[in-house]
C-alpha cells in the first residue's frame, strides 16, 4: 500500500501538467536548470579565486636548518591544537592486595 508504481507517478504527472500547464512547467524547469548552473559556476569561480589568492599571497619559504638536517616540519592547523581542559585526567587505580 505504501509503494508507488510507475503508473502512480504518471497519473500525478498528468494532473500536475493539467493544473500548471506544460509552458509553465517548461519555464520552471529552465529556471531551475539556470539556477543550478549559476550555482556551480559561482562555486567554481570562488574556488579558482581562492586558489589563486593563496598561491599569490604565500611566498615560498627558504629551507631552514631543520629541513637541511633532514627533519620534517609542517604548519600547525586548527585541528592540531589540543585543549588541555578537554583531555581527561589520567587516573591510576590500585588493586587491593
PDB file of N, CA and C in Angstrom:
ATOM      1  N   UNK A   1       0.819  -1.181   0.000  1.00  0.00           N
ATOM      2  CA  UNK A   1       0.000   0.000   0.000  1.00  0.00           C
ATOM      3  C   UNK A   1       0.869   1.254   0.000  1.00  0.00           C
ATOM      4  N   UNK A   2       2.056   1.197   0.598  1.00  0.00           N
ATOM      5  CA  UNK A   2       2.915   2.364   0.681  1.00  0.00           C
ATOM      6  C   UNK A   2       3.816   2.531  -0.532  1.00  0.00           C
ATOM      7  N   UNK A   3       3.780   1.597  -1.468  1.00  0.00           N
ATOM      8  CA  UNK A   3       4.660   1.677  -2.630  1.00  0.00           C
ATOM      9  C   UNK A   3       3.956   2.396  -3.776  1.00  0.00           C
ATOM     10  N   UNK A   4       4.750   3.163  -4.528  1.00  0.00           N
ATOM     11  CA  UNK A   4       4.219   3.837  -5.707  1.00  0.00           C
ATOM     12  C   UNK A   4       4.815   3.181  -6.940  1.00  0.00           C
ATOM     13  N   UNK A   5       3.956   2.781  -7.860  1.00  0.00           N
ATOM     14  CA  UNK A   5       4.439   2.209  -9.110  1.00  0.00           C
ATOM     15  C   UNK A   5       4.596   3.325 -10.135  1.00  0.00           C
ATOM     16  N   UNK A   6       5.071   2.970 -11.304  1.00  0.00           N
ATOM     17  CA  UNK A   6       5.251   3.956 -12.374  1.00  0.00           C
ATOM     18  C   UNK A   6       3.907   4.557 -12.774  1.00  0.00           C
ATOM     19  N   UNK A   7       2.846   3.786 -12.645  1.00  0.00           N
ATOM     20  CA  UNK A   7       1.525   4.286 -13.031  1.00  0.00           C
ATOM     21  C   UNK A   7       1.054   5.377 -12.076  1.00  0.00           C
ATOM     22  N   UNK A   8       1.365   5.253 -10.812  1.00  0.00           N
ATOM     23  CA  UNK A   8       1.008   6.304  -9.863  1.00  0.00           C
ATOM     24  C   UNK A   8       1.710   7.614 -10.223  1.00  0.00           C
ATOM     25  N   UNK A   9       3.005   7.510 -10.538  1.00  0.00           N
ATOM     26  CA  UNK A   9       3.774   8.712 -10.875  1.00  0.00           C
ATOM     27  C   UNK A   9       3.289   9.333 -12.182  1.00  0.00           C
ATOM     28  N   UNK A  10       2.893   8.497 -13.156  1.00  0.00           N
ATOM     29  CA  UNK A  10       2.374   9.037 -14.417  1.00  0.00           C
ATOM     30  C   UNK A  10       1.057   9.776 -14.194  1.00  0.00           C
ATOM     31  N   UNK A  11       0.206   9.238 -13.345  1.00  0.00           N
ATOM     32  CA  UNK A  11      -1.059   9.911 -13.045  1.00  0.00           C
ATOM     33  C   UNK A  11      -0.791  11.243 -12.355  1.00  0.00           C
ATOM     34  N   UNK A  12       0.131  11.271 -11.413  1.00  0.00           N
ATOM     35  CA  UNK A  12       0.486  12.519 -10.733  1.00  0.00           C
ATOM     36  C   UNK A  12       1.042  13.518 -11.738  1.00  0.00           C
ATOM     37  N   UNK A  13       1.891  13.059 -12.658  1.00  0.00           N
ATOM     38  CA  UNK A  13       2.463  13.941 -13.679  1.00  0.00           C
ATOM     39  C   UNK A  13       1.376  14.537 -14.571  1.00  0.00           C
ATOM     40  N   UNK A  14       0.405  13.730 -14.980  1.00  0.00           N
ATOM     41  CA  UNK A  14      -0.692  14.228 -15.822  1.00  0.00           C
ATOM     42  C   UNK A  14      -1.504  15.276 -15.062  1.00  0.00           C
ATOM     43  N   UNK A  15      -1.768  15.038 -13.797  1.00  0.00           N
ATOM     44  CA  UNK A  15      -2.542  16.003 -13.003  1.00  0.00           C
ATOM     45  C   UNK A  15      -1.767  17.307 -12.850  1.00  0.00           C
ATOM     46  N   UNK A  16      -0.470  17.216 -12.592  1.00  0.00           N
ATOM     47  CA  UNK A  16       0.352  18.424 -12.455  1.00  0.00           C
ATOM     48  C   UNK A  16       0.380  19.191 -13.769  1.00  0.00           C
ATOM     49  N   UNK A  17       0.500  18.479 -14.902  1.00  0.00           N
ATOM     50  CA  UNK A  17       0.503  19.153 -16.209  1.00  0.00           C
ATOM     51  C   UNK A  17      -0.838  19.823 -16.479  1.00  0.00           C
ATOM     52  N   UNK A  18      -1.927  19.212 -16.028  1.00  0.00           N
ATOM     53  CA  UNK A  18      -3.236  19.823 -16.242  1.00  0.00           C
ATOM     54  C   UNK A  18      -3.403  21.066 -15.372  1.00  0.00           C
ATOM     55  N   UNK A  19      -2.856  21.050 -14.163  1.00  0.00           N
ATOM     56  CA  UNK A  19      -3.003  22.183 -13.254  1.00  0.00           C
ATOM     57  C   UNK A  19      -2.115  23.341 -13.688  1.00  0.00           C
ATOM     58  N   UNK A  20      -0.845  23.070 -13.930  1.00  0.00           N
ATOM     59  CA  UNK A  20       0.107  24.140 -14.224  1.00  0.00           C
ATOM     60  C   UNK A  20       0.257  24.427 -15.714  1.00  0.00           C
ATOM     61  N   UNK A  21       0.027  23.456 -16.550  1.00  0.00           N
ATOM     62  CA  UNK A  21       0.235  23.642 -17.978  1.00  0.00           C
ATOM     63  C   UNK A  21       1.682  23.339 -18.348  1.00  0.00           C
ATOM     64  N   UNK A  22       1.887  22.898 -19.579  1.00  0.00           N
ATOM     65  CA  UNK A  22       3.228  22.486 -19.995  1.00  0.00           C
ATOM     66  C   UNK A  22       4.166  23.678 -20.135  1.00  0.00           C
ATOM     67  N   UNK A  23       3.642  24.834 -20.542  1.00  0.00           N
ATOM     68  CA  UNK A  23       4.502  26.010 -20.716  1.00  0.00           C
ATOM     69  C   UNK A  23       5.062  26.463 -19.367  1.00  0.00           C
ATOM     70  N   UNK A  24       4.227  26.474 -18.357  1.00  0.00           N
ATOM     71  CA  UNK A  24       4.680  26.889 -17.022  1.00  0.00           C
ATOM     72  C   UNK A  24       5.706  25.892 -16.476  1.00  0.00           C
ATOM     73  N   UNK A  25       5.465  24.587 -16.694  1.00  0.00           N
ATOM     74  CA  UNK A  25       6.425  23.579 -16.239  1.00  0.00           C
ATOM     75  C   UNK A  25       7.755  23.719 -16.972  1.00  0.00           C
ATOM     76  N   UNK A  26       7.703  24.054 -18.268  1.00  0.00           N
ATOM     77  CA  UNK A  26       8.935  24.251 -19.038  1.00  0.00           C
ATOM     78  C   UNK A  26       9.710  25.440 -18.473  1.00  0.00           C
ATOM     79  N   UNK A  27       9.010  26.511 -18.161  1.00  0.00           N
ATOM     80  CA  UNK A  27       9.672  27.693 -17.591  1.00  0.00           C
ATOM     81  C   UNK A  27      10.289  27.384 -16.225  1.00  0.00           C
ATOM     82  N   UNK A  28       9.587  26.611 -15.418  1.00  0.00           N
ATOM     83  CA  UNK A  28      10.114  26.238 -14.100  1.00  0.00           C
ATOM     84  C   UNK A  28      11.371  25.386 -14.268  1.00  0.00           C
ATOM     85  N   UNK A  29      11.330  24.429 -15.194  1.00  0.00           N
ATOM     86  CA  UNK A  29      12.499  23.577 -15.445  1.00  0.00           C
ATOM     87  C   UNK A  29      13.682  24.373 -15.953  1.00  0.00           C
ATOM     88  N   UNK A  30      13.429  25.318 -16.861  1.00  0.00           N
ATOM     89  CA  UNK A  30      14.505  26.162 -17.390  1.00  0.00           C
ATOM     90  C   UNK A  30      15.104  27.030 -16.289  1.00  0.00           C
ATOM     91  N   UNK A  31      14.251  27.640 -15.489  1.00  0.00           N
ATOM     92  CA  UNK A  31      14.741  28.476 -14.388  1.00  0.00           C
ATOM     93  C   UNK A  31      15.548  27.664 -13.381  1.00  0.00           C
ATOM     94  N   UNK A  32      15.077  26.463 -13.080  1.00  0.00           N
ATOM     95  CA  UNK A  32      15.793  25.605 -12.142  1.00  0.00           C
ATOM     96  C   UNK A  32      17.156  25.201 -12.710  1.00  0.00           C
ATOM     97  N   UNK A  33      17.202  24.859 -13.988  1.00  0.00           N
ATOM     98  CA  UNK A  33      18.470  24.499 -14.626  1.00  0.00           C
ATOM     99  C   UNK A  33      19.455  25.652 -14.636  1.00  0.00           C
ATOM    100  N   UNK A  34      18.976  26.860 -14.929  1.00  0.00           N
ATOM    101  CA  UNK A  34      19.856  28.033 -14.923  1.00  0.00           C
ATOM    102  C   UNK A  34      20.350  28.343 -13.515  1.00  0.00           C
ATOM    103  N   UNK A  35      19.508  28.137 -12.520  1.00  0.00           N
ATOM    104  CA  UNK A  35      19.925  28.381 -11.137  1.00  0.00           C
ATOM    105  C   UNK A  35      21.017  27.403 -10.717  1.00  0.00           C
ATOM    106  N   UNK A  36      20.866  26.135 -11.077  1.00  0.00           N
ATOM    107  CA  UNK A  36      21.881  25.134 -10.744  1.00  0.00           C
ATOM    108  C   UNK A  36      23.185  25.444 -11.462  1.00  0.00           C
ATOM    109  N   UNK A  37      23.097  25.830 -12.734  1.00  0.00           N
ATOM    110  CA  UNK A  37      24.301  26.166 -13.498  1.00  0.00           C
ATOM    111  C   UNK A  37      24.997  27.387 -12.893  1.00  0.00           C
ATOM    112  N   UNK A  38      24.224  28.399 -12.522  1.00  0.00           N
ATOM    113  CA  UNK A  38      24.804  29.586 -11.897  1.00  0.00           C
ATOM    114  C   UNK A  38      25.468  29.263 -10.571  1.00  0.00           C
ATOM    115  N   UNK A  39      24.857  28.371  -9.802  1.00  0.00           N
ATOM    116  CA  UNK A  39      25.433  27.961  -8.520  1.00  0.00           C
ATOM    117  C   UNK A  39      26.763  27.243  -8.736  1.00  0.00           C
ATOM    118  N   UNK A  40      26.810  26.324  -9.691  1.00  0.00           N
ATOM    119  CA  UNK A  40      28.052  25.595  -9.975  1.00  0.00           C
ATOM    120  C   UNK A  40      29.139  26.540 -10.471  1.00  0.00           C
ATOM    121  N   UNK A  41      28.777  27.486 -11.343  1.00  0.00           N
ATOM    122  CA  UNK A  41      29.755  28.460 -11.836  1.00  0.00           C
ATOM    123  C   UNK A  41      30.279  29.326 -10.699  1.00  0.00           C
ATOM    124  N   UNK A  42      29.409  29.718  -9.787  1.00  0.00           N
ATOM    125  CA  UNK A  42      29.828  30.524  -8.644  1.00  0.00           C
ATOM    126  C   UNK A  42      30.797  29.781  -7.749  1.00  0.00           C
ATOM    127  N   UNK A  43      30.535  28.503  -7.515  1.00  0.00           N
ATOM    128  CA  UNK A  43      31.447  27.700  -6.696  1.00  0.00           C
ATOM    129  C   UNK A  43      32.786  27.549  -7.402  1.00  0.00           C
ATOM    130  N   UNK A  44      32.759  27.288  -8.699  1.00  0.00           N
ATOM    131  CA  UNK A  44      33.994  27.118  -9.469  1.00  0.00           C
ATOM    132  C   UNK A  44      34.810  28.409  -9.454  1.00  0.00           C
ATOM    133  N   UNK A  45      34.157  29.559  -9.624  1.00  0.00           N
ATOM    134  CA  UNK A  45      34.862  30.843  -9.597  1.00  0.00           C
ATOM    135  C   UNK A  45      35.448  31.126  -8.220  1.00  0.00           C
ATOM    136  N   UNK A  46      34.691  30.816  -7.174  1.00  0.00           N
ATOM    137  CA  UNK A  46      35.182  31.051  -5.812  1.00  0.00           C
ATOM    138  C   UNK A  46      36.397  30.182  -5.511  1.00  0.00           C
ATOM    139  N   UNK A  47      36.361  28.920  -5.960  1.00  0.00           N
ATOM    140  CA  UNK A  47      37.495  28.029  -5.723  1.00  0.00           C
ATOM    141  C   UNK A  47      38.731  28.491  -6.485  1.00  0.00           C
ATOM    142  N   UNK A  48      38.549  28.920  -7.737  1.00  0.00           N
ATOM    143  CA  UNK A  48      39.707  29.359  -8.515  1.00  0.00           C
ATOM    144  C   UNK A  48      40.267  30.663  -7.961  1.00  0.00           C
ATOM    145  N   UNK A  49      39.402  31.569  -7.511  1.00  0.00           N
ATOM    146  CA  UNK A  49      39.860  32.822  -6.911  1.00  0.00           C
ATOM    147  C   UNK A  49      40.590  32.547  -5.602  1.00  0.00           C
ATOM    148  N   UNK A  50      40.055  31.640  -4.812  1.00  0.00           N
ATOM    149  CA  UNK A  50      40.675  31.291  -3.536  1.00  0.00           C
ATOM    150  C   UNK A  50      42.032  30.626  -3.759  1.00  0.00           C
ATOM    151  N   UNK A  51      42.121  29.747  -4.745  1.00  0.00           N
ATOM    152  CA  UNK A  51      43.387  29.073  -5.025  1.00  0.00           C
ATOM    153  C   UNK A  51      44.422  30.066  -5.543  1.00  0.00           C
ATOM    154  N   UNK A  52      43.991  30.992  -6.399  1.00  0.00           N
ATOM    155  CA  UNK A  52      44.916  31.993  -6.929  1.00  0.00           C
ATOM    156  C   UNK A  52      45.386  32.925  -5.824  1.00  0.00           C
ATOM    157  N   UNK A  53      44.497  33.286  -4.915  1.00  0.00           N
ATOM    158  CA  UNK A  53      44.866  34.176  -3.819  1.00  0.00           C
ATOM    159  C   UNK A  53      45.836  33.493  -2.862  1.00  0.00           C
ATOM    160  N   UNK A  54      45.632  32.210  -2.610  1.00  0.00           N
ATOM    161  CA  UNK A  54      46.517  31.514  -1.672  1.00  0.00           C
ATOM    162  C   UNK A  54      47.904  31.316  -2.268  1.00  0.00           C
ATOM    163  N   UNK A  55      48.001  31.093  -3.570  1.00  0.00           N
ATOM    164  CA  UNK A  55      49.326  30.928  -4.174  1.00  0.00           C
ATOM    165  C   UNK A  55      50.022  32.266  -4.342  1.00  0.00           C
ATOM    166  N   UNK A  56      49.250  33.332  -4.531  1.00  0.00           N
ATOM    167  CA  UNK A  56      49.857  34.648  -4.724  1.00  0.00           C
ATOM    168  C   UNK A  56      50.327  35.243  -3.401  1.00  0.00           C
ATOM    169  N   UNK A  57      49.630  34.975  -2.312  1.00  0.00           N
ATOM    170  CA  UNK A  57      49.982  35.585  -1.035  1.00  0.00           C
ATOM    171  C   UNK A  57      50.964  34.756  -0.226  1.00  0.00           C
ATOM    172  N   UNK A  58      51.189  33.516  -0.578  1.00  0.00           N
ATOM    173  CA  UNK A  58      52.096  32.671   0.177  1.00  0.00           C
ATOM    174  C   UNK A  58      53.433  32.587  -0.551  1.00  0.00           C
ATOM    175  N   UNK A  59      54.423  33.348  -0.105  1.00  0.00           N
ATOM    176  CA  UNK A  59      55.724  33.274  -0.764  1.00  0.00           C
ATOM    177  C   UNK A  59      56.409  31.963  -0.403  1.00  0.00           C
ATOM    178  N   UNK A  60      57.258  31.477  -1.263  1.00  0.00           N
ATOM    179  CA  UNK A  60      57.969  30.245  -0.935  1.00  0.00           C
ATOM    180  C   UNK A  60      58.899  30.476   0.253  1.00  0.00           C
ATOM    181  N   UNK A  61      58.914  29.536   1.165  1.00  0.00           N
ATOM    182  CA  UNK A  61      59.736  29.678   2.362  1.00  0.00           C
ATOM    183  C   UNK A  61      61.121  29.105   2.103  1.00  0.00           C
ATOM    184  N   UNK A  62      62.157  29.750   2.610  1.00  0.00           N
ATOM    185  CA  UNK A  62      63.504  29.219   2.422  1.00  0.00           C
ATOM    186  C   UNK A  62      63.697  27.971   3.275  1.00  0.00           C
ATOM    187  N   UNK A  63      64.621  27.135   2.846  1.00  0.00           N
ATOM    188  CA  UNK A  63      64.901  25.913   3.594  1.00  0.00           C
ATOM    189  C   UNK A  63      65.551  26.278   4.918  1.00  0.00           C
ATOM    190  N   UNK A  64      65.001  25.757   5.980  1.00  0.00           N
ATOM    191  CA  UNK A  64      65.545  26.074   7.298  1.00  0.00           C
ATOM    192  C   UNK A  64      66.637  25.075   7.655  1.00  0.00           C
ATOM    193  N   UNK A  65      67.325  25.336   8.749  1.00  0.00           N
ATOM    194  CA  UNK A  65      68.393  24.446   9.191  1.00  0.00           C
ATOM    195  C   UNK A  65      67.828  23.086   9.573  1.00  0.00           C
ATOM    196  N   UNK A  66      66.599  23.079  10.118  1.00  0.00           N
ATOM    197  CA  UNK A  66      65.987  21.808  10.496  1.00  0.00           C
ATOM    198  C   UNK A  66      65.714  20.960   9.261  1.00  0.00           C
ATOM    199  N   UNK A  67      65.231  21.582   8.187  1.00  0.00           N
ATOM    200  CA  UNK A  67      64.974  20.839   6.964  1.00  0.00           C
ATOM    201  C   UNK A  67      66.276  20.359   6.349  1.00  0.00           C
ATOM    202  N   UNK A  68      67.324  21.153   6.454  1.00  0.00           N
ATOM    203  CA  UNK A  68      68.610  20.751   5.908  1.00  0.00           C
ATOM    204  C   UNK A  68      69.160  19.552   6.669  1.00  0.00           C
ATOM    205  N   UNK A  69      68.835  19.448   7.966  1.00  0.00           N
ATOM    206  CA  UNK A  69      69.310  18.331   8.770  1.00  0.00           C
ATOM    207  C   UNK A  69      68.456  17.086   8.554  1.00  0.00           C
ATOM    208  N   UNK A  70      67.402  17.191   7.771  1.00  0.00           N
ATOM    209  CA  UNK A  70      66.573  16.033   7.465  1.00  0.00           C
ATOM    210  C   UNK A  70      65.326  15.929   8.316  1.00  0.00           C
ATOM    211  N   UNK A  71      65.070  16.889   9.184  1.00  0.00           N
ATOM    212  CA  UNK A  71      63.863  16.855   9.995  1.00  0.00           C
ATOM    213  C   UNK A  71      62.690  17.383   9.184  1.00  0.00           C
ATOM    214  N   UNK A  72      61.537  16.834   9.442  1.00  0.00           N
ATOM    215  CA  UNK A  72      60.338  17.242   8.720  1.00  0.00           C
ATOM    216  C   UNK A  72      59.599  18.273   9.564  1.00  0.00           C
ATOM    217  N   UNK A  73      59.234  19.381   8.938  1.00  0.00           N
ATOM    218  CA  UNK A  73      58.446  20.387   9.642  1.00  0.00           C
ATOM    219  C   UNK A  73      57.197  20.672   8.835  1.00  0.00           C
ATOM    220  N   UNK A  74      56.138  21.084   9.513  1.00  0.00           N
ATOM    221  CA  UNK A  74      54.899  21.450   8.834  1.00  0.00           C
ATOM    222  C   UNK A  74      54.190  22.488   9.673  1.00  0.00           C
ATOM    223  N   UNK A  75      53.239  23.163   9.030  1.00  0.00           N
ATOM    224  CA  UNK A  75      52.457  24.173   9.735  1.00  0.00           C
ATOM    225  C   UNK A  75      51.389  23.494  10.573  1.00  0.00           C
ATOM    226  N   UNK A  76      51.129  24.066  11.719  1.00  0.00           N
ATOM    227  CA  UNK A  76      50.044  23.572  12.548  1.00  0.00           C
ATOM    228  C   UNK A  76      48.735  24.155  12.049  1.00  0.00           C
ATOM    229  N   UNK A  77      47.696  23.357  12.108  1.00  0.00           N
ATOM    230  CA  UNK A  77      46.371  23.834  11.738  1.00  0.00           C
ATOM    231  C   UNK A  77      45.512  23.880  12.987  1.00  0.00           C
ATOM    232  N   UNK A  78      44.310  24.371  12.838  1.00  0.00           N
ATOM    233  CA  UNK A  78      43.388  24.463  13.972  1.00  0.00           C
ATOM    234  C   UNK A  78      43.053  23.079  14.514  1.00  0.00           C
ATOM    235  N   UNK A  79      43.135  22.056  13.655  1.00  0.00           N
ATOM    236  CA  UNK A  79      42.812  20.704  14.094  1.00  0.00           C
ATOM    237  C   UNK A  79      43.939  20.093  14.925  1.00  0.00           C
ATOM    238  N   UNK A  80      45.139  20.640  14.828  1.00  0.00           N
ATOM    239  CA  UNK A  80      46.272  20.105  15.572  1.00  0.00           C
ATOM    240  C   UNK A  80      46.301  20.572  17.021  1.00  0.00           C
ATOM    241  N   UNK A  81      45.643  21.664  17.308  1.00  0.00           N
ATOM    242  CA  UNK A  81      45.682  22.230  18.647  1.00  0.00           C
ATOM    243  C   UNK A  81      44.775  21.419  19.565  1.00  0.00           C
ATOM    244  N   UNK A  82      45.287  21.039  20.721  1.00  0.00           N
ATOM    245  CA  UNK A  82      44.514  20.258  21.680  1.00  0.00           C
ATOM    246  C   UNK A  82      44.283  21.114  22.913  1.00  0.00           C
ATOM    247  N   UNK A  83      43.043  21.212  23.317  1.00  0.00           N
ATOM    248  CA  UNK A  83      42.699  21.962  24.516  1.00  0.00           C
ATOM    249  C   UNK A  83      42.927  21.053  25.717  1.00  0.00           C
ATOM    250  N   UNK A  84      43.768  21.478  26.631  1.00  0.00           N
ATOM    251  CA  UNK A  84      44.120  20.654  27.782  1.00  0.00           C
ATOM    252  C   UNK A  84      42.909  20.420  28.677  1.00  0.00           C
ATOM    253  N   UNK A  85      41.989  21.361  28.722  1.00  0.00           N
ATOM    254  CA  UNK A  85      40.816  21.212  29.579  1.00  0.00           C
ATOM    255  C   UNK A  85      39.926  20.074  29.101  1.00  0.00           C
ATOM    256  N   UNK A  86      39.990  19.718  27.813  1.00  0.00           N
ATOM    257  CA  UNK A  86      39.142  18.662  27.284  1.00  0.00           C
ATOM    258  C   UNK A  86      39.712  17.270  27.539  1.00  0.00           C
ATOM    259  N   UNK A  87      40.999  17.171  27.786  1.00  0.00           N
ATOM    260  CA  UNK A  87      41.626  15.878  27.995  1.00  0.00           C
ATOM    261  C   UNK A  87      41.362  15.433  29.429  1.00  0.00           C
ATOM    262  N   UNK A  88      40.780  14.254  29.617  1.00  0.00           N
ATOM    263  CA  UNK A  88      40.505  13.811  30.983  1.00  0.00           C
ATOM    264  C   UNK A  88      41.808  13.502  31.715  1.00  0.00           C
ATOM    265  N   UNK A  89      41.792  13.746  32.995  1.00  0.00           N
ATOM    266  CA  UNK A  89      42.974  13.482  33.808  1.00  0.00           C
ATOM    267  C   UNK A  89      43.192  11.981  33.906  1.00  0.00           C
ATOM    268  N   UNK A  90      44.441  11.578  33.848  1.00  0.00           N
ATOM    269  CA  UNK A  90      44.766  10.169  33.921  1.00  0.00           C
ATOM    270  C   UNK A  90      44.690   9.733  35.382  1.00  0.00           C
ATOM    271  N   UNK A  91      43.882   8.748  35.631  1.00  0.00           N
ATOM    272  CA  UNK A  91      43.719   8.270  36.997  1.00  0.00           C
ATOM    273  C   UNK A  91      44.333   6.889  37.109  1.00  0.00           C
ATOM    274  N   UNK A  92      44.954   6.647  38.212  1.00  0.00           N
ATOM    275  CA  UNK A  92      45.522   5.322  38.455  1.00  0.00           C
ATOM    276  C   UNK A  92      44.760   4.691  39.603  1.00  0.00           C
ATOM    277  N   UNK A  93      44.415   3.477  39.410  1.00  0.00           N
ATOM    278  CA  UNK A  93      43.708   2.753  40.460  1.00  0.00           C
ATOM    279  C   UNK A  93      44.614   1.649  40.967  1.00  0.00           C
ATOM    280  N   UNK A  94      44.628   1.484  42.240  1.00  0.00           N
ATOM    281  CA  UNK A  94      45.426   0.421  42.834  1.00  0.00           C
ATOM    282  C   UNK A  94      44.503  -0.740  43.150  1.00  0.00           C
ATOM    283  N   UNK A  95      44.967  -1.899  42.770  1.00  0.00           N
ATOM    284  CA  UNK A  95      44.184  -3.093  43.047  1.00  0.00           C
ATOM    285  C   UNK A  95      44.420  -3.520  44.489  1.00  0.00           C
ATOM    286  N   UNK A  96      43.393  -4.007  45.155  1.00  0.00           N
ATOM    287  CA  UNK A  96      43.583  -4.474  46.536  1.00  0.00           C
ATOM    288  C   UNK A  96      44.507  -5.683  46.567  1.00  0.00           C
ATOM    289  N   UNK A  97      45.343  -5.749  47.589  1.00  0.00           N
ATOM    290  CA  UNK A  97      46.302  -6.859  47.701  1.00  0.00           C
ATOM    291  C   UNK A  97      45.768  -8.006  48.455  1.00  0.00           C
TER     292      UNK A  97
END
